[in-house]
Amino acid sequence: LLQLGSLDFIVASPTLIQYVASRAGLRPDQLEISL
């Protein structure tokens, strides 16, 4: 939903989200920590 634009931010463990994002085809540099 973040990729689709339905969410603006997500809150989670950065380490975990990197695992999940890689499954969805995202590169690590496509996500960044805001807070």
PDB file of all heavy atoms in Angstrom:
ATOM      1  N   LEU A   1       0.827  -1.210   0.000  1.00  0.00           N
ATOM      2  CA  LEU A   1       0.000   0.000   0.000  1.00  0.00           C
ATOM      3  C   LEU A   1       0.865   1.265   0.000  1.00  0.00           C
ATOM      4  O   LEU A   1       0.443   2.302  -0.514  1.00  0.00           O
ATOM      5  CB  LEU A   1      -0.942  -0.010   1.201  1.00  0.00           C
ATOM      6  CG  LEU A   1      -2.026  -1.099   1.169  1.00  0.00           C
ATOM      7  CD1 LEU A   1      -2.896  -1.048   2.409  1.00  0.00           C
ATOM      8  CD2 LEU A   1      -2.886  -0.976  -0.085  1.00  0.00           C
ATOM      9  N   LEU A   2       2.050   1.179   0.570  1.00  0.00           N
ATOM     10  CA  LEU A   2       2.977   2.310   0.484  1.00  0.00           C
ATOM     11  C   LEU A   2       3.394   2.524  -0.967  1.00  0.00           C
ATOM     12  O   LEU A   2       3.431   3.661  -1.462  1.00  0.00           O
ATOM     13  CB  LEU A   2       4.199   2.033   1.360  1.00  0.00           C
ATOM     14  CG  LEU A   2       5.220   3.164   1.491  1.00  0.00           C
ATOM     15  CD1 LEU A   2       4.628   4.356   2.241  1.00  0.00           C
ATOM     16  CD2 LEU A   2       6.477   2.671   2.217  1.00  0.00           C
ATOM     17  N   GLN A   3       3.671   1.432  -1.679  1.00  0.00           N
ATOM     18  CA  GLN A   3       4.052   1.529  -3.090  1.00  0.00           C
ATOM     19  C   GLN A   3       2.915   2.096  -3.937  1.00  0.00           C
ATOM     20  O   GLN A   3       3.148   2.859  -4.876  1.00  0.00           O
ATOM     21  CB  GLN A   3       4.446   0.154  -3.635  1.00  0.00           C
ATOM     22  CG  GLN A   3       5.779  -0.368  -3.140  1.00  0.00           C
ATOM     23  CD  GLN A   3       6.075  -1.747  -3.687  1.00  0.00           C
ATOM     24  OE1 GLN A   3       5.490  -2.737  -3.279  1.00  0.00           O
ATOM     25  NE2 GLN A   3       6.998  -1.814  -4.644  1.00  0.00           N
ATOM     26  N   LEU A   4       1.685   1.718  -3.595  1.00  0.00           N
ATOM     27  CA  LEU A   4       0.520   2.171  -4.362  1.00  0.00           C
ATOM     28  C   LEU A   4       0.125   3.607  -4.045  1.00  0.00           C
ATOM     29  O   LEU A   4      -0.690   4.199  -4.753  1.00  0.00           O
ATOM     30  CB  LEU A   4      -0.674   1.249  -4.085  1.00  0.00           C
ATOM     31  CG  LEU A   4      -0.583  -0.175  -4.636  1.00  0.00           C
ATOM     32  CD1 LEU A   4      -1.761  -1.015  -4.138  1.00  0.00           C
ATOM     33  CD2 LEU A   4      -0.546  -0.156  -6.165  1.00  0.00           C
ATOM     34  N   GLY A   5       0.688   4.170  -2.978  1.00  0.00           N
ATOM     35  CA  GLY A   5       0.324   5.525  -2.590  1.00  0.00           C
ATOM     36  C   GLY A   5      -0.872   5.598  -1.667  1.00  0.00           C
ATOM     37  O   GLY A   5      -1.337   6.700  -1.328  1.00  0.00           O
ATOM     38  N   SER A   6      -1.387   4.441  -1.240  1.00  0.00           N
ATOM     39  CA  SER A   6      -2.524   4.437  -0.309  1.00  0.00           C
ATOM     40  C   SER A   6      -2.087   4.762   1.114  1.00  0.00           C
ATOM     41  O   SER A   6      -2.908   5.130   1.947  1.00  0.00           O
ATOM     42  CB  SER A   6      -3.219   3.074  -0.334  1.00  0.00           C
ATOM     43  OG  SER A   6      -3.689   2.786  -1.632  1.00  0.00           O
ATOM     44  N   LEU A   7      -0.805   4.576   1.402  1.00  0.00           N
ATOM     45  CA  LEU A   7      -0.212   4.971   2.674  1.00  0.00           C
ATOM     46  C   LEU A   7       0.920   5.958   2.396  1.00  0.00           C
ATOM     47  O   LEU A   7       1.620   5.849   1.386  1.00  0.00           O
ATOM     48  CB  LEU A   7       0.344   3.762   3.425  1.00  0.00           C
ATOM     49  CG  LEU A   7      -0.639   2.703   3.905  1.00  0.00           C
ATOM     50  CD1 LEU A   7       0.121   1.524   4.502  1.00  0.00           C
ATOM     51  CD2 LEU A   7      -1.625   3.276   4.925  1.00  0.00           C
ATOM     52  N   ASP A   8       1.091   6.908   3.319  1.00  0.00           N
ATOM     53  CA  ASP A   8       2.178   7.872   3.191  1.00  0.00           C
ATOM     54  C   ASP A   8       3.409   7.444   3.985  1.00  0.00           C
ATOM     55  O   ASP A   8       4.539   7.702   3.576  1.00  0.00           O
ATOM     56  CB  ASP A   8       1.706   9.245   3.678  1.00  0.00           C
ATOM     57  CG  ASP A   8       0.508   9.745   2.904  1.00  0.00           C
ATOM     58  OD1 ASP A   8       0.629   9.908   1.676  1.00  0.00           O
ATOM     59  OD2 ASP A   8      -0.563   9.947   3.519  1.00  0.00           O
ATOM     60  N   PHE A   9       3.164   6.819   5.126  1.00  0.00           N
ATOM     61  CA  PHE A   9       4.234   6.332   5.989  1.00  0.00           C
ATOM     62  C   PHE A   9       3.862   4.947   6.506  1.00  0.00           C
ATOM     63  O   PHE A   9       2.679   4.587   6.556  1.00  0.00           O
ATOM     64  CB  PHE A   9       4.450   7.252   7.203  1.00  0.00           C
ATOM     65  CG  PHE A   9       4.907   8.638   6.879  1.00  0.00           C
ATOM     66  CD1 PHE A   9       3.998   9.685   6.799  1.00  0.00           C
ATOM     67  CD2 PHE A   9       6.254   8.901   6.651  1.00  0.00           C
ATOM     68  CE1 PHE A   9       4.417  10.966   6.506  1.00  0.00           C
ATOM     69  CE2 PHE A   9       6.689  10.186   6.363  1.00  0.00           C
ATOM     70  CZ  PHE A   9       5.766  11.226   6.291  1.00  0.00           C
ATOM     71  N   ILE A  10       4.867   4.192   6.916  1.00  0.00           N
ATOM     72  CA  ILE A  10       4.621   2.951   7.646  1.00  0.00           C
ATOM     73  C   ILE A  10       5.507   2.954   8.895  1.00  0.00           C
ATOM     74  O   ILE A  10       6.599   3.533   8.893  1.00  0.00           O
ATOM     75  CB  ILE A  10       4.903   1.694   6.794  1.00  0.00           C
ATOM     76  CG1 ILE A  10       6.332   1.690   6.246  1.00  0.00           C
ATOM     77  CG2 ILE A  10       3.896   1.595   5.656  1.00  0.00           C
ATOM     78  CD1 ILE A  10       6.675   0.435   5.459  1.00  0.00           C
ATOM     79  N   VAL A  11       5.013   2.324   9.953  1.00  0.00           N
ATOM     80  CA  VAL A  11       5.755   2.256  11.212  1.00  0.00           C
ATOM     81  C   VAL A  11       6.070   0.800  11.503  1.00  0.00           C
ATOM     82  O   VAL A  11       5.168  -0.035  11.574  1.00  0.00           O
ATOM     83  CB  VAL A  11       4.942   2.877  12.367  1.00  0.00           C
ATOM     84  CG1 VAL A  11       5.594   2.570  13.712  1.00  0.00           C
ATOM     85  CG2 VAL A  11       4.832   4.381  12.169  1.00  0.00           C
ATOM     86  N   ALA A  12       7.359   0.507  11.663  1.00  0.00           N
ATOM     87  CA  ALA A  12       7.784  -0.876  11.895  1.00  0.00           C
ATOM     88  C   ALA A  12       9.278  -0.878  12.203  1.00  0.00           C
ATOM     89  O   ALA A  12       9.926   0.170  12.251  1.00  0.00           O
ATOM     90  CB  ALA A  12       7.495  -1.737  10.666  1.00  0.00           C
ATOM     91  N   SER A  13       9.806  -2.080  12.411  1.00  0.00           N
ATOM     92  CA  SER A  13      11.239  -2.262  12.568  1.00  0.00           C
ATOM     93  C   SER A  13      11.918  -2.060  11.211  1.00  0.00           C
ATOM     94  O   SER A  13      11.547  -2.718  10.234  1.00  0.00           O
ATOM     95  CB  SER A  13      11.535  -3.674  13.092  1.00  0.00           C
ATOM     96  OG  SER A  13      12.854  -4.047  12.793  1.00  0.00           O
ATOM     97  N   PRO A  14      12.910  -1.172  11.110  1.00  0.00           N
ATOM     98  CA  PRO A  14      13.589  -0.980   9.822  1.00  0.00           C
ATOM     99  C   PRO A  14      14.210  -2.262   9.279  1.00  0.00           C
ATOM    100  O   PRO A  14      14.157  -2.519   8.073  1.00  0.00           O
ATOM    101  CB  PRO A  14      14.663   0.067  10.154  1.00  0.00           C
ATOM    102  CG  PRO A  14      14.128   0.805  11.335  1.00  0.00           C
ATOM    103  CD  PRO A  14      13.376  -0.228  12.144  1.00  0.00           C
ATOM    104  N   THR A  15      14.806  -3.075  10.156  1.00  0.00           N
ATOM    105  CA  THR A  15      15.415  -4.332   9.708  1.00  0.00           C
ATOM    106  C   THR A  15      14.377  -5.240   9.087  1.00  0.00           C
ATOM    107  O   THR A  15      14.589  -5.811   8.000  1.00  0.00           O
ATOM    108  CB  THR A  15      16.090  -5.047  10.890  1.00  0.00           C
ATOM    109  OG1 THR A  15      17.074  -4.190  11.454  1.00  0.00           O
ATOM    110  CG2 THR A  15      16.746  -6.341  10.429  1.00  0.00           C
ATOM    111  N   LEU A  16      13.232  -5.365   9.741  1.00  0.00           N
ATOM    112  CA  LEU A  16      12.177  -6.226   9.235  1.00  0.00           C
ATOM    113  C   LEU A  16      11.623  -5.720   7.914  1.00  0.00           C
ATOM    114  O   LEU A  16      11.431  -6.492   6.968  1.00  0.00           O
ATOM    115  CB  LEU A  16      11.049  -6.318  10.270  1.00  0.00           C
ATOM    116  CG  LEU A  16       9.794  -6.995   9.748  1.00  0.00           C
ATOM    117  CD1 LEU A  16       9.497  -8.253  10.519  1.00  0.00           C
ATOM    118  CD2 LEU A  16       8.610  -6.053   9.828  1.00  0.00           C
ATOM    119  N   ILE A  17      11.388  -4.418   7.832  1.00  0.00           N
ATOM    120  CA  ILE A  17      10.795  -3.867   6.615  1.00  0.00           C
ATOM    121  C   ILE A  17      11.743  -4.029   5.427  1.00  0.00           C
ATOM    122  O   ILE A  17      11.294  -4.216   4.292  1.00  0.00           O
ATOM    123  CB  ILE A  17      10.401  -2.387   6.825  1.00  0.00           C
ATOM    124  CG1 ILE A  17       9.157  -2.323   7.731  1.00  0.00           C
ATOM    125  CG2 ILE A  17      10.113  -1.694   5.507  1.00  0.00           C
ATOM    126  CD1 ILE A  17       7.919  -3.020   7.158  1.00  0.00           C
ATOM    127  N   GLN A  18      13.046  -3.984   5.657  1.00  0.00           N
ATOM    128  CA  GLN A  18      13.975  -4.224   4.552  1.00  0.00           C
ATOM    129  C   GLN A  18      13.809  -5.628   3.993  1.00  0.00           C
ATOM    130  O   GLN A  18      13.872  -5.829   2.779  1.00  0.00           O
ATOM    131  CB  GLN A  18      15.417  -3.995   5.018  1.00  0.00           C
ATOM    132  CG  GLN A  18      15.753  -2.543   5.317  1.00  0.00           C
ATOM    133  CD  GLN A  18      15.709  -1.646   4.087  1.00  0.00           C
ATOM    134  OE1 GLN A  18      15.641  -2.116   2.950  1.00  0.00           O
ATOM    135  NE2 GLN A  18      15.732  -0.351   4.308  1.00  0.00           N
ATOM    136  N   TYR A  19      13.583  -6.623   4.868  1.00  0.00           N
ATOM    137  CA  TYR A  19      13.326  -7.991   4.416  1.00  0.00           C
ATOM    138  C   TYR A  19      12.045  -8.042   3.578  1.00  0.00           C
ATOM    139  O   TYR A  19      12.013  -8.627   2.488  1.00  0.00           O
ATOM    140  CB  TYR A  19      13.186  -8.933   5.611  1.00  0.00           C
ATOM    141  CG  TYR A  19      14.476  -9.508   6.120  1.00  0.00           C
ATOM    142  CD1 TYR A  19      15.263  -8.798   7.019  1.00  0.00           C
ATOM    143  CD2 TYR A  19      14.919 -10.775   5.729  1.00  0.00           C
ATOM    144  CE1 TYR A  19      16.457  -9.323   7.507  1.00  0.00           C
ATOM    145  CE2 TYR A  19      16.104 -11.302   6.202  1.00  0.00           C
ATOM    146  CZ  TYR A  19      16.863 -10.575   7.095  1.00  0.00           C
ATOM    147  OH  TYR A  19      18.036 -11.081   7.574  1.00  0.00           O
ATOM    148  N   VAL A  20      10.994  -7.433   4.099  1.00  0.00           N
ATOM    149  CA  VAL A  20       9.695  -7.467   3.425  1.00  0.00           C
ATOM    150  C   VAL A  20       9.768  -6.711   2.102  1.00  0.00           C
ATOM    151  O   VAL A  20       9.241  -7.165   1.078  1.00  0.00           O
ATOM    152  CB  VAL A  20       8.600  -6.879   4.337  1.00  0.00           C
ATOM    153  CG1 VAL A  20       7.259  -6.815   3.606  1.00  0.00           C
ATOM    154  CG2 VAL A  20       8.467  -7.713   5.606  1.00  0.00           C
ATOM    155  N   ALA A  21      10.424  -5.558   2.109  1.00  0.00           N
ATOM    156  CA  ALA A  21      10.515  -4.745   0.900  1.00  0.00           C
ATOM    157  C   ALA A  21      11.287  -5.475  -0.201  1.00  0.00           C
ATOM    158  O   ALA A  21      10.935  -5.387  -1.378  1.00  0.00           O
ATOM    159  CB  ALA A  21      11.183  -3.413   1.222  1.00  0.00           C
ATOM    160  N   SER A  22      12.334  -6.207   0.183  1.00  0.00           N
ATOM    161  CA  SER A  22      13.107  -6.943  -0.822  1.00  0.00           C
ATOM    162  C   SER A  22      12.248  -8.002  -1.505  1.00  0.00           C
ATOM    163  O   SER A  22      12.405  -8.269  -2.698  1.00  0.00           O
ATOM    164  CB  SER A  22      14.340  -7.580  -0.180  1.00  0.00           C
ATOM    165  OG  SER A  22      13.974  -8.592   0.743  1.00  0.00           O
ATOM    166  N   ARG A  23      11.320  -8.586  -0.742  1.00  0.00           N
ATOM    167  CA  ARG A  23      10.395  -9.559  -1.342  1.00  0.00           C
ATOM    168  C   ARG A  23       9.504  -8.896  -2.386  1.00  0.00           C
ATOM    169  O   ARG A  23       9.080  -9.534  -3.352  1.00  0.00           O
ATOM    170  CB  ARG A  23       9.500 -10.173  -0.263  1.00  0.00           C
ATOM    171  CG  ARG A  23      10.195 -11.048   0.760  1.00  0.00           C
ATOM    172  CD  ARG A  23       9.171 -11.481   1.794  1.00  0.00           C
ATOM    173  NE  ARG A  23       9.733 -12.324   2.848  1.00  0.00           N
ATOM    174  CZ  ARG A  23       9.052 -12.710   3.919  1.00  0.00           C
ATOM    175  NH1 ARG A  23       7.789 -12.335   4.062  1.00  0.00           N
ATOM    176  NH2 ARG A  23       9.626 -13.466   4.830  1.00  0.00           N
ATOM    177  N   ALA A  24       9.202  -7.601  -2.162  1.00  0.00           N
ATOM    178  CA  ALA A  24       8.321  -6.872  -3.084  1.00  0.00           C
ATOM    179  C   ALA A  24       9.094  -6.219  -4.217  1.00  0.00           C
ATOM    180  O   ALA A  24       8.517  -5.501  -5.035  1.00  0.00           O
ATOM    181  CB  ALA A  24       7.549  -5.803  -2.308  1.00  0.00           C
ATOM    182  N   GLY A  25      10.406  -6.473  -4.282  1.00  0.00           N
ATOM    183  CA  GLY A  25      11.204  -5.938  -5.369  1.00  0.00           C
ATOM    184  C   GLY A  25      11.753  -4.547  -5.135  1.00  0.00           C
ATOM    185  O   GLY A  25      12.278  -3.920  -6.069  1.00  0.00           O
ATOM    186  N   LEU A  26      11.653  -4.035  -3.912  1.00  0.00           N
ATOM    187  CA  LEU A  26      12.202  -2.716  -3.601  1.00  0.00           C
ATOM    188  C   LEU A  26      13.677  -2.823  -3.220  1.00  0.00           C
ATOM    189  O   LEU A  26      14.083  -3.745  -2.520  1.00  0.00           O
ATOM    190  CB  LEU A  26      11.441  -2.080  -2.433  1.00  0.00           C
ATOM    191  CG  LEU A  26      10.065  -1.467  -2.720  1.00  0.00           C
ATOM    192  CD1 LEU A  26       9.450  -0.981  -1.422  1.00  0.00           C
ATOM    193  CD2 LEU A  26      10.170  -0.323  -3.706  1.00  0.00           C
ATOM    194  N   ARG A  27      14.466  -1.864  -3.667  1.00  0.00           N
ATOM    195  CA  ARG A  27      15.858  -1.777  -3.237  1.00  0.00           C
ATOM    196  C   ARG A  27      15.921  -1.073  -1.877  1.00  0.00           C
ATOM    197  O   ARG A  27      15.051  -0.254  -1.556  1.00  0.00           O
ATOM    198  CB  ARG A  27      16.690  -0.988  -4.241  1.00  0.00           C
ATOM    199  CG  ARG A  27      16.712  -1.553  -5.641  1.00  0.00           C
ATOM    200  CD  ARG A  27      17.710  -0.784  -6.509  1.00  0.00           C
ATOM    201  NE  ARG A  27      17.567   0.666  -6.373  1.00  0.00           N
ATOM    202  CZ  ARG A  27      16.711   1.408  -7.074  1.00  0.00           C
ATOM    203  NH1 ARG A  27      15.901   0.821  -7.968  1.00  0.00           N
ATOM    204  NH2 ARG A  27      16.653   2.713  -6.903  1.00  0.00           N
ATOM    205  N   PRO A  28      16.940  -1.369  -1.081  1.00  0.00           N
ATOM    206  CA  PRO A  28      17.053  -0.720   0.229  1.00  0.00           C
ATOM    207  C   PRO A  28      17.041   0.806   0.155  1.00  0.00           C
ATOM    208  O   PRO A  28      16.497   1.467   1.034  1.00  0.00           O
ATOM    209  CB  PRO A  28      18.396  -1.240   0.763  1.00  0.00           C
ATOM    210  CG  PRO A  28      18.581  -2.546   0.085  1.00  0.00           C
ATOM    211  CD  PRO A  28      17.990  -2.384  -1.281  1.00  0.00           C
ATOM    212  N   ASP A  29      17.617   1.383  -0.921  1.00  0.00           N
ATOM    213  CA  ASP A  29      17.691   2.844  -1.004  1.00  0.00           C
ATOM    214  C   ASP A  29      16.382   3.489  -1.434  1.00  0.00           C
ATOM    215  O   ASP A  29      16.284   4.725  -1.515  1.00  0.00           O
ATOM    216  CB  ASP A  29      18.821   3.271  -1.946  1.00  0.00           C
ATOM    217  CG  ASP A  29      18.604   2.810  -3.393  1.00  0.00           C
ATOM    218  OD1 ASP A  29      17.631   2.067  -3.649  1.00  0.00           O
ATOM    219  OD2 ASP A  29      19.409   3.181  -4.260  1.00  0.00           O
ATOM    220  N   GLN A  30      15.344   2.681  -1.710  1.00  0.00           N
ATOM    221  CA  GLN A  30      14.048   3.250  -2.065  1.00  0.00           C
ATOM    222  C   GLN A  30      13.195   3.588  -0.839  1.00  0.00           C
ATOM    223  O   GLN A  30      12.170   4.237  -0.961  1.00  0.00           O
ATOM    224  CB  GLN A  30      13.283   2.289  -2.982  1.00  0.00           C
ATOM    225  CG  GLN A  30      13.866   2.188  -4.379  1.00  0.00           C
ATOM    226  CD  GLN A  30      13.082   1.246  -5.271  1.00  0.00           C
ATOM    227  OE1 GLN A  30      13.310   0.030  -5.288  1.00  0.00           O
ATOM    228  NE2 GLN A  30      12.151   1.798  -6.018  1.00  0.00           N
ATOM    229  N   LEU A  31      13.624   3.121   0.324  1.00  0.00           N
ATOM    230  CA  LEU A  31      12.955   3.453   1.581  1.00  0.00           C
ATOM    231  C   LEU A  31      13.883   4.300   2.428  1.00  0.00           C
ATOM    232  O   LEU A  31      15.106   4.113   2.411  1.00  0.00           O
ATOM    233  CB  LEU A  31      12.594   2.178   2.354  1.00  0.00           C
ATOM    234  CG  LEU A  31      11.438   1.334   1.847  1.00  0.00           C
ATOM    235  CD1 LEU A  31      11.369   0.034   2.643  1.00  0.00           C
ATOM    236  CD2 LEU A  31      10.118   2.081   1.956  1.00  0.00           C
ATOM    237  N   GLU A  32      13.307   5.240   3.165  1.00  0.00           N
ATOM    238  CA  GLU A  32      14.121   6.013   4.093  1.00  0.00           C
ATOM    239  C   GLU A  32      13.360   6.239   5.393  1.00  0.00           C
ATOM    240  O   GLU A  32      12.128   6.256   5.421  1.00  0.00           O
ATOM    241  CB  GLU A  32      14.547   7.343   3.495  1.00  0.00           C
ATOM    242  CG  GLU A  32      13.445   8.355   3.315  1.00  0.00           C
ATOM    243  CD  GLU A  32      13.993   9.694   2.834  1.00  0.00           C
ATOM    244  OE1 GLU A  32      15.127   9.722   2.324  1.00  0.00           O
ATOM    245  OE2 GLU A  32      13.276  10.704   2.966  1.00  0.00           O
ATOM    246  N   ILE A  33      14.114   6.400   6.462  1.00  0.00           N
ATOM    247  CA  ILE A  33      13.535   6.656   7.783  1.00  0.00           C
ATOM    248  C   ILE A  33      13.255   8.143   7.928  1.00  0.00           C
ATOM    249  O   ILE A  33      14.156   8.976   7.751  1.00  0.00           O
ATOM    250  CB  ILE A  33      14.483   6.170   8.893  1.00  0.00           C
ATOM    251  CG1 ILE A  33      14.618   4.646   8.835  1.00  0.00           C
ATOM    252  CG2 ILE A  33      13.987   6.621  10.263  1.00  0.00           C
ATOM    253  CD1 ILE A  33      15.624   4.080   9.821  1.00  0.00           C
ATOM    254  N   SER A  34      12.009   8.471   8.238  1.00  0.00           N
ATOM    255  CA  SER A  34      11.637   9.859   8.511  1.00  0.00           C
ATOM    256  C   SER A  34      11.815  10.200   9.980  1.00  0.00           C
ATOM    257  O   SER A  34      12.303  11.282  10.322  1.00  0.00           O
ATOM    258  CB  SER A  34      10.180  10.115   8.098  1.00  0.00           C
ATOM    259  OG  SER A  34      10.009   9.980   6.710  1.00  0.00           O
ATOM    260  N   LEU A  35      11.400   9.272  10.853  1.00  0.00           N
ATOM    261  CA  LEU A  35      11.500   9.485  12.296  1.00  0.00           C
ATOM    262  C   LEU A  35      11.886   8.180  12.969  1.00  0.00           C
ATOM    263  O   LEU A  35      11.283   7.141  12.694  1.00  0.00           O
ATOM    264  CB  LEU A  35      10.161   9.946  12.878  1.00  0.00           C
ATOM    265  CG  LEU A  35       9.606  11.307  12.471  1.00  0.00           C
ATOM    266  CD1 LEU A  35       8.165  11.439  12.950  1.00  0.00           C
ATOM    267  CD2 LEU A  35      10.463  12.426  13.035  1.00  0.00           C
TER     268      LEU A  35
END
